N, C-alpha and C. Protein backbone atom coordinates (compact mmCIF):
# COMPACT_ATOMS: atom_id res chain seq x y z
N UNK A 1 -5.16 39.79 -41.40
CA UNK A 1 -5.23 40.75 -40.33
C UNK A 1 -5.32 40.03 -38.98
N UNK A 2 -6.22 39.01 -38.90
CA UNK A 2 -6.36 38.27 -37.65
C UNK A 2 -5.12 37.46 -37.33
N UNK A 3 -4.46 36.99 -38.38
CA UNK A 3 -3.24 36.21 -38.18
C UNK A 3 -2.16 37.07 -37.53
N UNK A 4 -2.02 38.30 -38.05
CA UNK A 4 -1.01 39.22 -37.51
C UNK A 4 -1.37 39.61 -36.08
N UNK A 5 -2.65 39.80 -35.80
CA UNK A 5 -3.11 40.18 -34.48
C UNK A 5 -2.83 39.06 -33.47
N UNK A 6 -3.05 37.82 -33.87
CA UNK A 6 -2.80 36.70 -32.96
C UNK A 6 -1.31 36.55 -32.66
N UNK A 7 -0.46 36.82 -33.62
CA UNK A 7 0.99 36.75 -33.40
C UNK A 7 1.43 37.84 -32.44
N UNK A 8 0.95 39.05 -32.65
CA UNK A 8 1.30 40.18 -31.79
C UNK A 8 0.79 39.93 -30.37
N UNK A 9 -0.42 39.43 -30.26
CA UNK A 9 -1.01 39.16 -28.96
C UNK A 9 -0.23 38.09 -28.21
N UNK A 10 0.17 37.00 -28.87
CA UNK A 10 0.94 35.95 -28.21
C UNK A 10 2.30 36.46 -27.77
N UNK A 11 2.92 37.35 -28.55
CA UNK A 11 4.21 37.94 -28.15
C UNK A 11 4.04 38.81 -26.92
N UNK A 12 2.96 39.56 -26.85
CA UNK A 12 2.71 40.43 -25.70
C UNK A 12 2.48 39.59 -24.43
N UNK A 13 1.71 38.54 -24.57
CA UNK A 13 1.43 37.68 -23.42
C UNK A 13 2.72 37.01 -22.95
N UNK A 14 3.54 36.57 -23.88
CA UNK A 14 4.82 35.95 -23.53
C UNK A 14 5.72 36.90 -22.75
N UNK A 15 5.77 38.17 -23.18
CA UNK A 15 6.59 39.16 -22.48
C UNK A 15 6.06 39.42 -21.07
N UNK A 16 4.73 39.50 -20.93
CA UNK A 16 4.13 39.74 -19.62
C UNK A 16 4.36 38.55 -18.68
N UNK A 17 4.30 37.34 -19.20
CA UNK A 17 4.53 36.16 -18.36
C UNK A 17 5.96 36.09 -17.87
N UNK A 18 6.91 36.58 -18.67
CA UNK A 18 8.31 36.58 -18.24
C UNK A 18 8.53 37.54 -17.09
N UNK A 19 7.73 38.60 -17.01
CA UNK A 19 7.87 39.58 -15.94
C UNK A 19 7.37 39.04 -14.60
N UNK A 20 6.43 38.11 -14.64
CA UNK A 20 5.84 37.58 -13.40
C UNK A 20 6.86 36.75 -12.64
N UNK A 21 6.82 36.84 -11.32
CA UNK A 21 7.68 36.01 -10.48
C UNK A 21 6.76 35.13 -9.64
N UNK A 22 6.64 33.89 -10.02
CA UNK A 22 5.77 32.95 -9.32
C UNK A 22 6.61 32.13 -8.38
N UNK A 23 6.21 32.08 -7.10
CA UNK A 23 6.95 31.30 -6.11
C UNK A 23 6.00 30.31 -5.46
N UNK A 24 6.56 29.22 -4.98
CA UNK A 24 5.79 28.20 -4.29
C UNK A 24 6.47 27.90 -2.97
N UNK A 25 5.70 27.55 -1.93
CA UNK A 25 6.32 27.26 -0.64
C UNK A 25 7.15 25.98 -0.70
N UNK A 26 8.24 25.96 0.04
CA UNK A 26 9.08 24.78 0.14
C UNK A 26 9.30 24.44 1.60
N UNK A 27 9.95 23.32 1.88
CA UNK A 27 10.20 22.90 3.25
C UNK A 27 11.35 23.69 3.88
N UNK A 28 12.05 24.46 3.10
CA UNK A 28 13.18 25.23 3.60
C UNK A 28 12.65 26.43 4.37
N UNK A 29 13.19 26.66 5.54
CA UNK A 29 12.75 27.77 6.37
C UNK A 29 13.34 29.08 5.86
N UNK A 30 12.86 30.17 6.40
CA UNK A 30 13.31 31.54 6.12
C UNK A 30 13.04 31.96 4.68
N UNK A 31 12.20 31.27 3.97
CA UNK A 31 11.83 31.66 2.63
C UNK A 31 12.92 31.50 1.59
N UNK A 32 14.06 30.92 1.96
CA UNK A 32 15.14 30.73 0.98
C UNK A 32 14.74 29.60 0.03
N UNK A 33 15.13 29.73 -1.21
CA UNK A 33 14.76 28.68 -2.16
C UNK A 33 15.72 27.49 -2.02
N UNK A 34 15.18 26.32 -2.23
CA UNK A 34 15.98 25.10 -2.11
C UNK A 34 16.84 24.93 -3.36
N UNK A 35 18.11 24.53 -3.21
CA UNK A 35 18.94 24.31 -4.38
C UNK A 35 18.52 23.03 -5.10
N UNK A 36 18.84 22.94 -6.36
CA UNK A 36 18.60 21.75 -7.19
C UNK A 36 17.13 21.37 -7.30
N UNK A 37 16.25 22.36 -7.39
CA UNK A 37 14.84 22.03 -7.58
C UNK A 37 14.47 22.03 -9.05
N UNK A 38 15.36 22.45 -9.90
CA UNK A 38 15.17 22.44 -11.35
C UNK A 38 13.93 23.21 -11.77
N UNK A 39 13.57 24.23 -11.02
CA UNK A 39 12.44 25.05 -11.40
C UNK A 39 11.09 24.43 -11.11
N UNK A 40 11.07 23.26 -10.47
CA UNK A 40 9.79 22.62 -10.17
C UNK A 40 9.25 23.18 -8.85
N UNK A 41 8.00 23.62 -8.83
CA UNK A 41 7.46 24.19 -7.61
C UNK A 41 7.12 23.13 -6.57
N UNK A 42 7.08 23.53 -5.32
CA UNK A 42 6.63 22.74 -4.19
C UNK A 42 7.31 21.38 -4.08
N UNK A 43 8.61 21.42 -3.93
CA UNK A 43 9.37 20.19 -3.73
C UNK A 43 9.27 19.71 -2.29
N UNK A 44 8.56 20.45 -1.45
CA UNK A 44 8.48 20.12 -0.04
C UNK A 44 7.83 18.77 0.19
N UNK A 45 6.87 18.41 -0.61
CA UNK A 45 6.16 17.17 -0.41
C UNK A 45 7.05 15.98 -0.73
N UNK A 46 7.89 16.11 -1.74
CA UNK A 46 8.68 14.98 -2.18
C UNK A 46 10.13 15.01 -1.74
N UNK A 47 10.56 16.10 -1.17
CA UNK A 47 11.98 16.23 -0.84
C UNK A 47 12.16 16.44 0.67
N UNK A 48 12.49 15.39 1.42
CA UNK A 48 12.66 15.55 2.87
C UNK A 48 13.99 16.19 3.21
N UNK A 49 14.04 16.80 4.40
CA UNK A 49 15.26 17.41 4.91
C UNK A 49 15.78 16.52 6.02
N UNK A 50 17.02 16.09 5.91
CA UNK A 50 17.61 15.19 6.89
C UNK A 50 17.92 15.95 8.18
N UNK A 51 17.45 15.42 9.31
CA UNK A 51 17.73 16.04 10.60
C UNK A 51 18.89 15.36 11.31
N UNK A 52 18.88 14.02 11.28
CA UNK A 52 19.93 13.26 11.96
C UNK A 52 20.32 12.09 11.07
N UNK A 53 21.53 12.13 10.55
CA UNK A 53 21.95 11.09 9.60
C UNK A 53 22.21 9.76 10.28
N UNK A 54 22.48 9.76 11.58
CA UNK A 54 22.76 8.48 12.26
C UNK A 54 21.49 7.68 12.50
N UNK A 55 20.37 8.35 12.80
CA UNK A 55 19.12 7.63 13.04
C UNK A 55 18.22 7.62 11.81
N UNK A 56 18.52 8.47 10.85
CA UNK A 56 17.70 8.52 9.64
C UNK A 56 16.47 9.39 9.79
N UNK A 57 16.42 10.23 10.83
CA UNK A 57 15.27 11.10 11.05
C UNK A 57 15.24 12.19 9.99
N UNK A 58 14.06 12.41 9.39
CA UNK A 58 13.90 13.44 8.38
C UNK A 58 12.66 14.27 8.66
N UNK A 59 12.70 15.51 8.20
CA UNK A 59 11.54 16.39 8.31
C UNK A 59 10.94 16.53 6.93
N UNK A 60 9.64 16.32 6.84
CA UNK A 60 8.93 16.46 5.57
C UNK A 60 7.77 17.40 5.77
N UNK A 61 7.37 18.03 4.70
CA UNK A 61 6.19 18.87 4.75
C UNK A 61 5.11 18.16 3.96
N UNK A 62 3.99 17.95 4.62
CA UNK A 62 2.87 17.27 3.98
C UNK A 62 2.18 18.22 3.01
N UNK A 63 1.27 17.69 2.20
CA UNK A 63 0.59 18.51 1.21
C UNK A 63 -0.29 19.57 1.85
N UNK A 64 -0.66 19.37 3.12
CA UNK A 64 -1.45 20.38 3.84
C UNK A 64 -0.60 21.54 4.31
N UNK A 65 0.73 21.40 4.26
CA UNK A 65 1.63 22.45 4.69
C UNK A 65 2.23 22.20 6.06
N UNK A 66 1.71 21.24 6.79
CA UNK A 66 2.24 20.94 8.11
C UNK A 66 3.54 20.16 7.97
N UNK A 67 4.47 20.42 8.89
CA UNK A 67 5.72 19.66 8.88
C UNK A 67 5.58 18.45 9.79
N UNK A 68 6.22 17.38 9.40
CA UNK A 68 6.17 16.13 10.15
C UNK A 68 7.57 15.58 10.24
N UNK A 69 7.92 15.02 11.37
CA UNK A 69 9.24 14.42 11.53
C UNK A 69 9.06 12.91 11.48
N UNK A 70 9.64 12.30 10.47
CA UNK A 70 9.59 10.84 10.34
C UNK A 70 10.72 10.24 11.14
N UNK A 71 10.39 9.28 11.97
CA UNK A 71 11.44 8.68 12.79
C UNK A 71 12.26 7.72 11.93
N UNK A 72 13.50 7.63 12.24
CA UNK A 72 14.41 6.78 11.49
C UNK A 72 14.35 5.34 11.94
N UNK A 73 15.12 4.51 11.30
CA UNK A 73 15.19 3.09 11.63
C UNK A 73 16.65 2.71 11.82
N UNK A 74 16.94 2.07 12.94
CA UNK A 74 18.32 1.68 13.19
C UNK A 74 18.69 0.50 12.29
N UNK A 75 19.99 0.26 12.15
CA UNK A 75 20.44 -0.85 11.31
C UNK A 75 20.01 -2.19 11.89
N UNK A 76 19.93 -2.30 13.22
CA UNK A 76 19.49 -3.56 13.84
C UNK A 76 18.02 -3.83 13.50
N UNK A 77 17.19 -2.78 13.58
CA UNK A 77 15.77 -2.94 13.23
C UNK A 77 15.63 -3.33 11.76
N UNK A 78 16.40 -2.66 10.90
CA UNK A 78 16.34 -2.96 9.48
C UNK A 78 16.75 -4.41 9.20
N UNK A 79 17.84 -4.85 9.83
CA UNK A 79 18.31 -6.22 9.61
C UNK A 79 17.31 -7.26 10.12
N UNK A 80 16.69 -6.99 11.28
CA UNK A 80 15.70 -7.94 11.80
C UNK A 80 14.48 -7.99 10.89
N UNK A 81 14.06 -6.84 10.38
CA UNK A 81 12.93 -6.80 9.46
C UNK A 81 13.26 -7.52 8.16
N UNK A 82 14.46 -7.32 7.67
CA UNK A 82 14.91 -7.97 6.43
C UNK A 82 15.01 -9.49 6.62
N UNK A 83 15.55 -9.91 7.76
CA UNK A 83 15.67 -11.34 8.05
C UNK A 83 14.29 -11.99 8.15
N UNK A 84 13.36 -11.32 8.80
CA UNK A 84 12.00 -11.85 8.91
C UNK A 84 11.37 -12.00 7.53
N UNK A 85 11.58 -11.02 6.65
CA UNK A 85 11.00 -11.07 5.32
C UNK A 85 11.54 -12.24 4.51
N UNK A 86 12.87 -12.45 4.56
CA UNK A 86 13.45 -13.49 3.73
C UNK A 86 13.42 -14.87 4.37
N UNK A 87 13.55 -14.96 5.69
CA UNK A 87 13.61 -16.27 6.36
C UNK A 87 12.21 -16.80 6.71
N UNK A 88 11.38 -15.96 7.30
CA UNK A 88 10.07 -16.42 7.74
C UNK A 88 9.06 -16.38 6.61
N UNK A 89 8.97 -15.23 5.93
CA UNK A 89 7.97 -15.10 4.87
C UNK A 89 8.45 -15.60 3.52
N UNK A 90 9.69 -16.04 3.45
CA UNK A 90 10.28 -16.62 2.23
C UNK A 90 10.34 -15.64 1.07
N UNK A 91 10.51 -14.34 1.35
CA UNK A 91 10.72 -13.35 0.31
C UNK A 91 9.47 -13.02 -0.47
N UNK A 92 9.63 -12.37 -1.61
CA UNK A 92 8.46 -12.00 -2.41
C UNK A 92 7.76 -13.24 -2.95
N UNK A 93 6.46 -13.15 -3.02
CA UNK A 93 5.66 -14.31 -3.42
C UNK A 93 5.46 -14.31 -4.93
N UNK A 94 5.75 -15.44 -5.55
CA UNK A 94 5.48 -15.62 -6.97
C UNK A 94 4.20 -16.43 -7.09
N UNK A 95 3.19 -15.83 -7.68
CA UNK A 95 1.90 -16.49 -7.80
C UNK A 95 1.73 -16.97 -9.24
N UNK A 96 1.70 -18.29 -9.46
CA UNK A 96 1.51 -18.79 -10.82
C UNK A 96 0.09 -18.55 -11.31
N UNK A 97 -0.04 -18.50 -12.61
CA UNK A 97 -1.35 -18.25 -13.21
C UNK A 97 -2.29 -19.42 -12.95
N UNK A 98 -3.50 -19.10 -12.56
CA UNK A 98 -4.51 -20.12 -12.30
C UNK A 98 -4.31 -20.88 -11.01
N UNK A 99 -3.63 -20.31 -10.04
CA UNK A 99 -3.30 -21.01 -8.80
C UNK A 99 -4.54 -21.32 -7.96
N UNK A 100 -5.59 -20.53 -8.11
CA UNK A 100 -6.78 -20.78 -7.30
C UNK A 100 -7.64 -21.90 -7.84
N UNK A 101 -7.60 -22.12 -9.12
CA UNK A 101 -8.51 -23.10 -9.73
C UNK A 101 -7.90 -24.48 -9.88
N UNK A 102 -6.58 -24.62 -9.71
CA UNK A 102 -5.93 -25.92 -9.92
C UNK A 102 -6.24 -26.91 -8.81
N UNK A 103 -6.26 -26.43 -7.57
CA UNK A 103 -6.51 -27.33 -6.45
C UNK A 103 -7.23 -26.56 -5.35
N UNK A 104 -7.90 -27.29 -4.49
CA UNK A 104 -8.58 -26.67 -3.36
C UNK A 104 -7.57 -26.20 -2.33
N UNK A 105 -7.90 -25.18 -1.56
CA UNK A 105 -6.93 -24.64 -0.62
C UNK A 105 -6.76 -25.49 0.65
N UNK A 106 -7.80 -26.19 1.06
CA UNK A 106 -7.72 -26.92 2.33
C UNK A 106 -6.79 -28.13 2.29
N UNK A 107 -6.81 -28.96 1.23
CA UNK A 107 -5.84 -30.07 1.21
C UNK A 107 -4.39 -29.60 1.26
N UNK A 108 -4.12 -28.49 0.59
CA UNK A 108 -2.75 -27.96 0.60
C UNK A 108 -2.41 -27.43 1.99
N UNK A 109 -3.39 -26.84 2.66
CA UNK A 109 -3.16 -26.31 4.00
C UNK A 109 -2.81 -27.42 4.98
N UNK A 110 -3.45 -28.58 4.82
CA UNK A 110 -3.20 -29.70 5.72
C UNK A 110 -1.91 -30.45 5.39
N UNK A 111 -1.54 -30.49 4.11
CA UNK A 111 -0.41 -31.33 3.71
C UNK A 111 0.92 -30.57 3.56
N UNK A 112 0.89 -29.32 3.12
CA UNK A 112 2.11 -28.57 2.82
C UNK A 112 2.58 -27.81 4.07
N UNK A 113 3.78 -28.13 4.60
CA UNK A 113 4.25 -27.42 5.80
C UNK A 113 4.62 -25.96 5.53
N UNK A 114 4.93 -25.60 4.28
CA UNK A 114 5.26 -24.22 3.95
C UNK A 114 4.02 -23.33 3.90
N UNK A 115 2.86 -23.94 3.80
CA UNK A 115 1.60 -23.21 3.71
C UNK A 115 1.11 -22.96 5.14
N UNK A 116 1.76 -22.02 5.82
CA UNK A 116 1.51 -21.76 7.24
C UNK A 116 0.42 -20.70 7.40
N UNK A 117 -0.62 -21.04 8.12
CA UNK A 117 -1.76 -20.14 8.28
C UNK A 117 -1.45 -18.94 9.19
N UNK A 118 -0.33 -19.00 9.90
CA UNK A 118 0.06 -17.88 10.76
C UNK A 118 0.55 -16.70 9.93
N UNK A 119 0.99 -16.96 8.71
CA UNK A 119 1.46 -15.88 7.84
C UNK A 119 0.28 -15.19 7.17
N UNK A 120 0.34 -13.87 7.14
CA UNK A 120 -0.75 -13.09 6.57
C UNK A 120 -0.92 -13.38 5.08
N UNK A 121 0.18 -13.60 4.38
CA UNK A 121 0.09 -13.90 2.95
C UNK A 121 -0.74 -15.15 2.70
N UNK A 122 -0.55 -16.17 3.52
CA UNK A 122 -1.29 -17.42 3.37
C UNK A 122 -2.77 -17.19 3.67
N UNK A 123 -3.04 -16.45 4.74
CA UNK A 123 -4.44 -16.17 5.08
C UNK A 123 -5.12 -15.37 3.98
N UNK A 124 -4.39 -14.45 3.37
CA UNK A 124 -4.97 -13.66 2.28
C UNK A 124 -5.27 -14.53 1.06
N UNK A 125 -4.41 -15.50 0.79
CA UNK A 125 -4.67 -16.42 -0.32
C UNK A 125 -5.95 -17.22 -0.08
N UNK A 126 -6.10 -17.68 1.15
CA UNK A 126 -7.30 -18.46 1.49
C UNK A 126 -8.56 -17.60 1.40
N UNK A 127 -8.47 -16.38 1.87
CA UNK A 127 -9.61 -15.47 1.78
C UNK A 127 -9.92 -15.14 0.32
N UNK A 128 -8.88 -15.00 -0.49
CA UNK A 128 -9.09 -14.75 -1.93
C UNK A 128 -9.81 -15.90 -2.58
N UNK A 129 -9.52 -17.12 -2.13
CA UNK A 129 -10.22 -18.29 -2.67
C UNK A 129 -11.71 -18.22 -2.32
N UNK A 130 -12.02 -17.76 -1.12
CA UNK A 130 -13.43 -17.57 -0.75
C UNK A 130 -14.09 -16.53 -1.66
N UNK A 131 -13.37 -15.45 -1.93
CA UNK A 131 -13.91 -14.41 -2.83
C UNK A 131 -14.19 -15.00 -4.21
N UNK A 132 -13.27 -15.81 -4.70
CA UNK A 132 -13.45 -16.42 -6.01
C UNK A 132 -14.70 -17.29 -6.05
N UNK A 133 -14.88 -18.12 -5.04
CA UNK A 133 -16.06 -18.98 -4.99
C UNK A 133 -17.33 -18.15 -4.90
N UNK A 134 -17.31 -17.08 -4.13
CA UNK A 134 -18.49 -16.24 -3.98
C UNK A 134 -18.86 -15.59 -5.31
N UNK A 135 -17.87 -15.03 -6.00
CA UNK A 135 -18.17 -14.32 -7.25
C UNK A 135 -18.46 -15.27 -8.41
N UNK A 136 -18.12 -16.54 -8.25
CA UNK A 136 -18.54 -17.54 -9.24
C UNK A 136 -19.89 -18.14 -8.88
N UNK A 137 -20.49 -17.62 -7.82
CA UNK A 137 -21.81 -18.02 -7.33
C UNK A 137 -21.84 -19.47 -6.86
N UNK A 138 -20.72 -19.95 -6.34
CA UNK A 138 -20.66 -21.26 -5.69
C UNK A 138 -20.85 -21.03 -4.20
N UNK A 139 -22.07 -20.64 -3.84
CA UNK A 139 -22.34 -20.18 -2.48
C UNK A 139 -22.16 -21.27 -1.43
N UNK A 140 -22.53 -22.51 -1.76
CA UNK A 140 -22.40 -23.60 -0.79
C UNK A 140 -20.94 -23.89 -0.47
N UNK A 141 -20.12 -23.97 -1.52
CA UNK A 141 -18.69 -24.21 -1.31
C UNK A 141 -18.05 -23.05 -0.56
N UNK A 142 -18.44 -21.83 -0.91
CA UNK A 142 -17.91 -20.65 -0.25
C UNK A 142 -18.27 -20.65 1.23
N UNK A 143 -19.51 -20.99 1.56
CA UNK A 143 -19.95 -21.02 2.95
C UNK A 143 -19.17 -22.08 3.74
N UNK A 144 -18.95 -23.25 3.14
CA UNK A 144 -18.19 -24.30 3.83
C UNK A 144 -16.75 -23.85 4.09
N UNK A 145 -16.13 -23.27 3.08
CA UNK A 145 -14.75 -22.82 3.23
C UNK A 145 -14.65 -21.68 4.26
N UNK A 146 -15.62 -20.77 4.26
CA UNK A 146 -15.62 -19.67 5.24
C UNK A 146 -15.74 -20.22 6.66
N UNK A 147 -16.61 -21.21 6.86
CA UNK A 147 -16.77 -21.79 8.20
C UNK A 147 -15.48 -22.44 8.68
N UNK A 148 -14.83 -23.19 7.79
CA UNK A 148 -13.57 -23.85 8.15
C UNK A 148 -12.50 -22.82 8.48
N UNK A 149 -12.39 -21.77 7.65
CA UNK A 149 -11.37 -20.74 7.87
C UNK A 149 -11.62 -19.96 9.16
N UNK A 150 -12.87 -19.65 9.44
CA UNK A 150 -13.18 -18.93 10.68
C UNK A 150 -12.78 -19.76 11.89
N UNK A 151 -13.08 -21.05 11.84
CA UNK A 151 -12.71 -21.91 12.98
C UNK A 151 -11.19 -22.01 13.13
N UNK A 152 -10.47 -22.02 12.02
CA UNK A 152 -9.00 -22.09 12.09
C UNK A 152 -8.38 -20.77 12.50
N UNK A 153 -8.96 -19.67 12.06
CA UNK A 153 -8.43 -18.36 12.43
C UNK A 153 -8.70 -18.05 13.90
N UNK A 154 -9.79 -18.57 14.45
CA UNK A 154 -10.15 -18.30 15.85
C UNK A 154 -9.12 -18.83 16.83
N UNK A 155 -8.49 -19.95 16.53
CA UNK A 155 -7.57 -20.57 17.48
C UNK A 155 -6.15 -20.00 17.40
N UNK A 156 -5.88 -19.14 16.43
CA UNK A 156 -4.54 -18.57 16.29
C UNK A 156 -4.28 -17.53 17.36
N UNK A 157 -2.99 -17.31 17.64
CA UNK A 157 -2.58 -16.25 18.56
C UNK A 157 -2.80 -14.91 17.89
N UNK A 158 -2.78 -13.85 18.68
CA UNK A 158 -2.99 -12.48 18.19
C UNK A 158 -4.33 -12.37 17.46
N UNK A 159 -5.36 -12.87 18.10
CA UNK A 159 -6.69 -12.85 17.49
C UNK A 159 -7.14 -11.42 17.20
N UNK A 160 -6.66 -10.47 18.00
CA UNK A 160 -7.04 -9.08 17.80
C UNK A 160 -6.59 -8.57 16.43
N UNK A 161 -5.40 -9.01 15.99
CA UNK A 161 -4.90 -8.60 14.67
C UNK A 161 -5.73 -9.24 13.55
N UNK A 162 -6.28 -10.41 13.82
CA UNK A 162 -7.03 -11.14 12.80
C UNK A 162 -8.51 -10.78 12.79
N UNK A 163 -8.92 -9.89 13.66
CA UNK A 163 -10.34 -9.60 13.83
C UNK A 163 -11.00 -9.14 12.53
N UNK A 164 -10.34 -8.27 11.76
CA UNK A 164 -10.92 -7.79 10.50
C UNK A 164 -11.07 -8.92 9.48
N UNK A 165 -10.08 -9.80 9.44
CA UNK A 165 -10.16 -10.92 8.50
C UNK A 165 -11.30 -11.86 8.88
N UNK A 166 -11.46 -12.10 10.18
CA UNK A 166 -12.54 -12.97 10.65
C UNK A 166 -13.89 -12.32 10.38
N UNK A 167 -14.01 -11.01 10.60
CA UNK A 167 -15.26 -10.31 10.31
C UNK A 167 -15.60 -10.36 8.83
N UNK A 168 -14.59 -10.23 7.99
CA UNK A 168 -14.82 -10.30 6.54
C UNK A 168 -15.34 -11.68 6.14
N UNK A 169 -14.73 -12.72 6.70
CA UNK A 169 -15.19 -14.08 6.40
C UNK A 169 -16.60 -14.32 6.94
N UNK A 170 -16.90 -13.80 8.13
CA UNK A 170 -18.24 -13.96 8.70
C UNK A 170 -19.28 -13.25 7.85
N UNK A 171 -18.94 -12.07 7.35
CA UNK A 171 -19.86 -11.34 6.48
C UNK A 171 -20.10 -12.11 5.18
N UNK A 172 -19.03 -12.66 4.62
CA UNK A 172 -19.17 -13.44 3.40
C UNK A 172 -20.01 -14.70 3.65
N UNK A 173 -19.82 -15.32 4.80
CA UNK A 173 -20.60 -16.50 5.17
C UNK A 173 -22.08 -16.15 5.28
N UNK A 174 -22.37 -15.02 5.89
CA UNK A 174 -23.76 -14.57 6.02
C UNK A 174 -24.38 -14.33 4.65
N UNK A 175 -23.64 -13.67 3.76
CA UNK A 175 -24.13 -13.41 2.41
C UNK A 175 -24.35 -14.69 1.62
N UNK A 176 -23.46 -15.67 1.82
CA UNK A 176 -23.62 -16.96 1.13
C UNK A 176 -24.88 -17.67 1.61
N UNK A 177 -25.09 -17.65 2.92
CA UNK A 177 -26.28 -18.33 3.47
C UNK A 177 -27.55 -17.66 3.01
N UNK A 178 -27.53 -16.35 2.85
CA UNK A 178 -28.74 -15.66 2.38
C UNK A 178 -28.99 -15.90 0.89
N UNK A 179 -27.93 -16.26 0.15
CA UNK A 179 -28.06 -16.51 -1.29
C UNK A 179 -28.42 -17.95 -1.61
N UNK A 180 -28.24 -18.85 -0.63
CA UNK A 180 -28.52 -20.27 -0.89
C UNK A 180 -30.02 -20.51 -0.89
């Protein structure tokens, strides 16, 4: 009896659900539905509307419902950014396993010309080495390395951009000194 009742009930619920018309807001104006949404609701967040194909400007709707216009990027800007990535930063970084424990960071910094401290990737590697020493409880070594890095970061250009990195190292130095 209960088995038959559950079957009848599920059929009734299925029929009622088919009658419902559920709609979700999209980035398309005038309430028209966007083509090719495959029945997925709220494509506004993931599907931008192109405003100007020459500049690449697009209009997107954020998850809050507000519309935002993303500015495009010219081909010259793209090429200069691409050239900087491959020529200056030497492309994507391949980090070998155990790179922090094989050698100290300072001898490599002094001897290797490719290990340029002006690059953010290099500075992040050096800061990561400080983190490693701190979490291995080598507080004296960590404090020495932090002092050297702070002095080297201070003399670089664009000190304002490096301020957070310097503050992080100074905080780590303070914590190391309090732990010694």
